[in-house]
């Protein structure tokens, strides 16, 4: 396992200013409106894009770069590779007032039978304000206690190992 990974409450890594800021601003500027026909609405006010061929060009480029992360090198887990079909991945949008409940990320691909070992999040909203909340909370294995709270700062990439421990 890479020594850069923070161990508590489970292995994760935070990288600020991860990609070209101008490219990420292009993602924000061309972010689809909530009325976009390709959003899939679930969990109340959360939207995702299930078809990786529908991403706007700047977002598609950032996702390509995310898929190019050297996961095996970062985690030390041999045989890892990105899911280019982006199952349970891609663009995610949570409307003002919305939230995503405490959960475990899926650790199995339903069609391919692959095991997911890592999830990656890149925050793209340059106008986020601390008073809005919306931090990514990493919890203990009981899911009751917040151990780490990660602010959704523009151009912050968060990688974390998945499994039945990663709430």
Foldseek 3Di string as FASTA:
>chain_A
DDPQFDCPPHTKHKDALQDDLVLLVVCVVPPDDPPDPQWDDDQDQKTFGQALVPRPPSQNVVVVVVQPDPVCVRPVDPPDHGDPSQHVHGDMDGDQVGDDDDDFPDQADPPPRHGAFKDKDAQRDQPDDVVSDDWDFWAFLVSPGGPDTHDSHHGMMMMGTGDSGTD
